[in-house]
Amino acid sequence: MDTAVPLGLIVNELVSNSLKYAFPDRNNGEIQIKLFSQEAGEKLNNEEKLTDKSSRYTLIVSDNGTGIPKDLNFKNSETLDLQLCVHSC
């Protein structure tokens, strides 16, 4: 539950944004959601030590929509989703 609830909220936000912005003039499009699990071993991101083996997850959400406008400045955005993207994209 500690992983599933936040993950569900993230997927919901990403899919909602895709539906809202990626396909404004289209009645069809494709959204893909992929989730991979892998064992982290003794280190996470080669920096943080783990006391035992745990799982890491990779989430990939993509669409074939219009894309992000070229004139959009991520670093000066006031929206949370773009601020998060600056730190993780």
N, C-alpha and C. Protein backbone atom coordinates (compact mmCIF):
# COMPACT_ATOMS: atom_id res chain seq x y z
N MET A 1 0.81 -1.20 0.00
CA MET A 1 0.00 0.00 0.00
C MET A 1 0.85 1.26 0.00
N ASP A 2 2.02 1.19 0.66
CA ASP A 2 2.88 2.37 0.72
C ASP A 2 3.41 2.77 -0.65
N THR A 3 3.48 1.81 -1.55
CA THR A 3 3.94 2.08 -2.91
C THR A 3 2.77 2.26 -3.86
N ALA A 4 1.73 1.46 -3.70
CA ALA A 4 0.62 1.44 -4.65
C ALA A 4 -0.18 2.75 -4.67
N VAL A 5 -0.45 3.34 -3.53
CA VAL A 5 -1.27 4.55 -3.48
C VAL A 5 -0.57 5.74 -4.14
N PRO A 6 0.69 6.06 -3.76
CA PRO A 6 1.36 7.16 -4.45
C PRO A 6 1.55 6.89 -5.95
N LEU A 7 1.84 5.64 -6.28
CA LEU A 7 2.00 5.28 -7.69
C LEU A 7 0.70 5.49 -8.46
N GLY A 8 -0.41 5.12 -7.87
CA GLY A 8 -1.72 5.34 -8.51
C GLY A 8 -2.00 6.81 -8.72
N LEU A 9 -1.65 7.65 -7.75
CA LEU A 9 -1.85 9.09 -7.88
C LEU A 9 -0.99 9.67 -9.00
N ILE A 10 0.25 9.21 -9.10
CA ILE A 10 1.14 9.68 -10.15
C ILE A 10 0.63 9.27 -11.52
N VAL A 11 0.24 8.01 -11.67
CA VAL A 11 -0.28 7.53 -12.96
C VAL A 11 -1.54 8.28 -13.32
N ASN A 12 -2.42 8.51 -12.37
CA ASN A 12 -3.65 9.25 -12.63
C ASN A 12 -3.35 10.66 -13.15
N GLU A 13 -2.40 11.35 -12.53
CA GLU A 13 -2.04 12.70 -12.95
C GLU A 13 -1.44 12.70 -14.35
N LEU A 14 -0.55 11.76 -14.63
CA LEU A 14 0.09 11.70 -15.94
C LEU A 14 -0.91 11.37 -17.05
N VAL A 15 -1.78 10.42 -16.81
CA VAL A 15 -2.79 10.06 -17.82
C VAL A 15 -3.78 11.20 -18.01
N SER A 16 -4.19 11.84 -16.92
CA SER A 16 -5.10 12.99 -17.04
C SER A 16 -4.48 14.10 -17.88
N ASN A 17 -3.19 14.40 -17.63
CA ASN A 17 -2.51 15.42 -18.41
C ASN A 17 -2.39 15.03 -19.88
N SER A 18 -2.12 13.76 -20.14
CA SER A 18 -2.07 13.30 -21.54
C SER A 18 -3.41 13.50 -22.22
N LEU A 19 -4.47 13.11 -21.57
CA LEU A 19 -5.81 13.25 -22.17
C LEU A 19 -6.18 14.71 -22.38
N LYS A 20 -5.76 15.56 -21.46
CA LYS A 20 -6.12 16.97 -21.52
C LYS A 20 -5.29 17.76 -22.53
N TYR A 21 -3.98 17.48 -22.60
CA TYR A 21 -3.09 18.31 -23.40
C TYR A 21 -2.51 17.65 -24.65
N ALA A 22 -2.34 16.34 -24.65
CA ALA A 22 -1.64 15.68 -25.75
C ALA A 22 -2.50 15.48 -26.99
N PHE A 23 -3.80 15.44 -26.82
CA PHE A 23 -4.69 15.15 -27.94
C PHE A 23 -5.79 16.19 -28.09
N PRO A 24 -5.46 17.47 -28.16
CA PRO A 24 -6.51 18.50 -28.15
C PRO A 24 -7.42 18.48 -29.37
N ASP A 25 -6.91 18.15 -30.53
CA ASP A 25 -7.72 18.17 -31.75
C ASP A 25 -7.89 16.79 -32.36
N ARG A 26 -7.68 15.77 -31.56
CA ARG A 26 -7.77 14.40 -32.07
C ARG A 26 -8.75 13.60 -31.24
N ASN A 27 -9.39 12.66 -31.90
CA ASN A 27 -10.31 11.77 -31.20
C ASN A 27 -9.64 10.46 -30.81
N ASN A 28 -8.40 10.29 -31.22
CA ASN A 28 -7.72 9.06 -30.86
C ASN A 28 -6.25 9.35 -30.57
N GLY A 29 -5.63 8.43 -29.91
CA GLY A 29 -4.22 8.52 -29.56
C GLY A 29 -3.87 7.31 -28.72
N GLU A 30 -2.62 7.21 -28.36
CA GLU A 30 -2.17 6.05 -27.59
C GLU A 30 -1.40 6.51 -26.36
N ILE A 31 -1.77 5.96 -25.22
CA ILE A 31 -1.06 6.18 -23.97
C ILE A 31 -0.55 4.83 -23.51
N GLN A 32 0.73 4.76 -23.20
CA GLN A 32 1.32 3.51 -22.72
C GLN A 32 1.78 3.69 -21.28
N ILE A 33 1.52 2.68 -20.46
CA ILE A 33 1.95 2.68 -19.07
C ILE A 33 2.74 1.39 -18.85
N LYS A 34 3.98 1.54 -18.41
CA LYS A 34 4.83 0.37 -18.14
C LYS A 34 5.41 0.52 -16.74
N LEU A 35 5.42 -0.57 -16.00
CA LEU A 35 6.00 -0.59 -14.66
C LEU A 35 6.92 -1.79 -14.55
N PHE A 36 8.17 -1.52 -14.20
CA PHE A 36 9.16 -2.58 -14.06
C PHE A 36 9.65 -2.61 -12.62
N SER A 37 9.87 -3.81 -12.12
CA SER A 37 10.42 -3.99 -10.78
C SER A 37 11.78 -4.65 -10.92
N GLN A 38 12.72 -4.20 -10.10
CA GLN A 38 14.03 -4.84 -10.09
C GLN A 38 14.60 -4.79 -8.69
N GLU A 39 15.42 -5.75 -8.37
CA GLU A 39 16.04 -5.78 -7.05
C GLU A 39 17.14 -4.74 -6.97
N ALA A 40 17.16 -3.96 -5.91
CA ALA A 40 18.12 -2.87 -5.79
C ALA A 40 19.49 -3.34 -5.31
N GLY A 41 19.55 -4.44 -4.60
CA GLY A 41 20.83 -4.90 -4.09
C GLY A 41 21.28 -4.07 -2.90
N GLU A 42 22.58 -3.85 -2.79
CA GLU A 42 23.12 -3.14 -1.64
C GLU A 42 23.12 -1.64 -1.80
N LYS A 43 23.04 -1.12 -3.03
CA LYS A 43 23.09 0.32 -3.22
C LYS A 43 21.92 0.80 -4.06
N LEU A 44 21.48 2.00 -3.81
CA LEU A 44 20.42 2.65 -4.56
C LEU A 44 21.02 3.90 -5.18
N ASN A 45 21.00 4.00 -6.49
CA ASN A 45 21.57 5.15 -7.21
C ASN A 45 23.06 5.34 -6.90
N ASN A 46 23.75 4.28 -6.53
CA ASN A 46 25.18 4.31 -6.22
C ASN A 46 25.53 5.29 -5.10
N GLU A 47 24.57 5.72 -4.32
CA GLU A 47 24.86 6.68 -3.24
C GLU A 47 24.30 6.22 -1.90
N GLU A 48 23.03 5.89 -1.88
CA GLU A 48 22.38 5.57 -0.61
C GLU A 48 22.54 4.08 -0.30
N LYS A 49 23.09 3.77 0.86
CA LYS A 49 23.25 2.37 1.25
C LYS A 49 21.94 1.83 1.81
N LEU A 50 21.64 0.60 1.44
CA LEU A 50 20.46 -0.08 1.95
C LEU A 50 20.92 -1.17 2.91
N THR A 51 20.14 -1.41 3.95
CA THR A 51 20.53 -2.42 4.92
C THR A 51 20.23 -3.84 4.43
N ASP A 52 19.27 -3.98 3.56
CA ASP A 52 18.96 -5.28 2.99
C ASP A 52 18.46 -5.10 1.56
N LYS A 53 18.17 -6.19 0.92
CA LYS A 53 17.71 -6.09 -0.46
C LYS A 53 16.28 -5.56 -0.49
N SER A 54 16.00 -4.70 -1.44
CA SER A 54 14.67 -4.15 -1.60
C SER A 54 14.38 -4.03 -3.08
N SER A 55 13.21 -3.55 -3.41
CA SER A 55 12.82 -3.42 -4.81
C SER A 55 12.85 -1.97 -5.24
N ARG A 56 13.26 -1.75 -6.47
CA ARG A 56 13.18 -0.45 -7.12
C ARG A 56 12.18 -0.61 -8.25
N TYR A 57 11.51 0.47 -8.58
CA TYR A 57 10.52 0.43 -9.64
C TYR A 57 10.82 1.51 -10.66
N THR A 58 10.59 1.19 -11.90
CA THR A 58 10.69 2.16 -12.98
C THR A 58 9.32 2.28 -13.61
N LEU A 59 8.79 3.49 -13.64
CA LEU A 59 7.49 3.77 -14.24
C LEU A 59 7.72 4.58 -15.50
N ILE A 60 7.14 4.12 -16.60
CA ILE A 60 7.22 4.85 -17.86
C ILE A 60 5.80 5.09 -18.35
N VAL A 61 5.45 6.37 -18.48
CA VAL A 61 4.15 6.74 -19.04
C VAL A 61 4.44 7.59 -20.27
N SER A 62 3.92 7.18 -21.41
CA SER A 62 4.20 7.91 -22.65
C SER A 62 2.93 8.00 -23.48
N ASP A 63 2.93 8.96 -24.42
CA ASP A 63 1.81 9.08 -25.35
C ASP A 63 2.35 9.52 -26.70
N ASN A 64 1.52 9.42 -27.71
CA ASN A 64 1.92 9.85 -29.05
C ASN A 64 1.21 11.15 -29.42
N GLY A 65 1.06 12.02 -28.43
CA GLY A 65 0.37 13.29 -28.63
C GLY A 65 1.23 14.36 -29.24
N THR A 66 0.80 15.60 -29.07
CA THR A 66 1.42 16.75 -29.73
C THR A 66 2.79 17.10 -29.18
N GLY A 67 3.12 16.70 -27.98
CA GLY A 67 4.42 17.02 -27.40
C GLY A 67 4.39 18.32 -26.63
N ILE A 68 5.49 18.64 -26.00
CA ILE A 68 5.61 19.85 -25.19
C ILE A 68 6.01 21.01 -26.10
N PRO A 69 5.33 22.15 -25.97
CA PRO A 69 5.69 23.29 -26.82
C PRO A 69 7.16 23.69 -26.65
N LYS A 70 7.80 24.03 -27.75
CA LYS A 70 9.22 24.38 -27.73
C LYS A 70 9.50 25.65 -26.94
N ASP A 71 8.53 26.56 -26.85
CA ASP A 71 8.77 27.82 -26.15
C ASP A 71 8.44 27.75 -24.65
N LEU A 72 8.10 26.58 -24.13
CA LEU A 72 7.77 26.42 -22.72
C LEU A 72 9.05 26.41 -21.89
N ASN A 73 9.12 27.25 -20.86
CA ASN A 73 10.28 27.33 -19.98
C ASN A 73 10.00 26.52 -18.72
N PHE A 74 10.57 25.33 -18.62
CA PHE A 74 10.35 24.46 -17.47
C PHE A 74 10.80 25.09 -16.16
N LYS A 75 11.93 25.77 -16.20
CA LYS A 75 12.54 26.27 -14.97
C LYS A 75 11.76 27.40 -14.33
N ASN A 76 10.94 28.11 -15.08
CA ASN A 76 10.15 29.21 -14.52
C ASN A 76 8.66 28.90 -14.48
N SER A 77 8.32 27.64 -14.47
CA SER A 77 6.92 27.23 -14.44
C SER A 77 6.36 27.33 -13.02
N GLU A 78 5.10 27.68 -12.92
CA GLU A 78 4.45 27.75 -11.62
C GLU A 78 3.59 26.52 -11.34
N THR A 79 3.50 25.60 -12.31
CA THR A 79 2.70 24.41 -12.10
C THR A 79 3.55 23.30 -11.51
N LEU A 80 2.96 22.53 -10.60
CA LEU A 80 3.68 21.48 -9.89
C LEU A 80 4.20 20.41 -10.83
N ASP A 81 3.41 19.99 -11.80
CA ASP A 81 3.84 18.91 -12.67
C ASP A 81 5.09 19.29 -13.47
N LEU A 82 5.18 20.51 -13.95
CA LEU A 82 6.37 20.93 -14.68
C LEU A 82 7.56 21.14 -13.75
N GLN A 83 7.31 21.58 -12.52
CA GLN A 83 8.40 21.72 -11.56
C GLN A 83 8.98 20.35 -11.23
N LEU A 84 8.12 19.33 -11.10
CA LEU A 84 8.59 17.98 -10.84
C LEU A 84 9.38 17.45 -12.02
N CYS A 85 8.94 17.77 -13.22
CA CYS A 85 9.62 17.29 -14.41
C CYS A 85 11.03 17.88 -14.50
N VAL A 86 11.22 19.11 -14.08
CA VAL A 86 12.55 19.72 -14.10
C VAL A 86 13.52 18.90 -13.27
N HIS A 87 13.04 18.33 -12.18
CA HIS A 87 13.92 17.59 -11.28
C HIS A 87 14.05 16.13 -11.64
N SER A 88 13.18 15.61 -12.49
CA SER A 88 13.24 14.17 -12.77
C SER A 88 13.31 13.83 -14.25
N CYS A 89 13.05 14.76 -15.14
CA CYS A 89 13.05 14.44 -16.58
C CYS A 89 14.46 14.46 -17.13
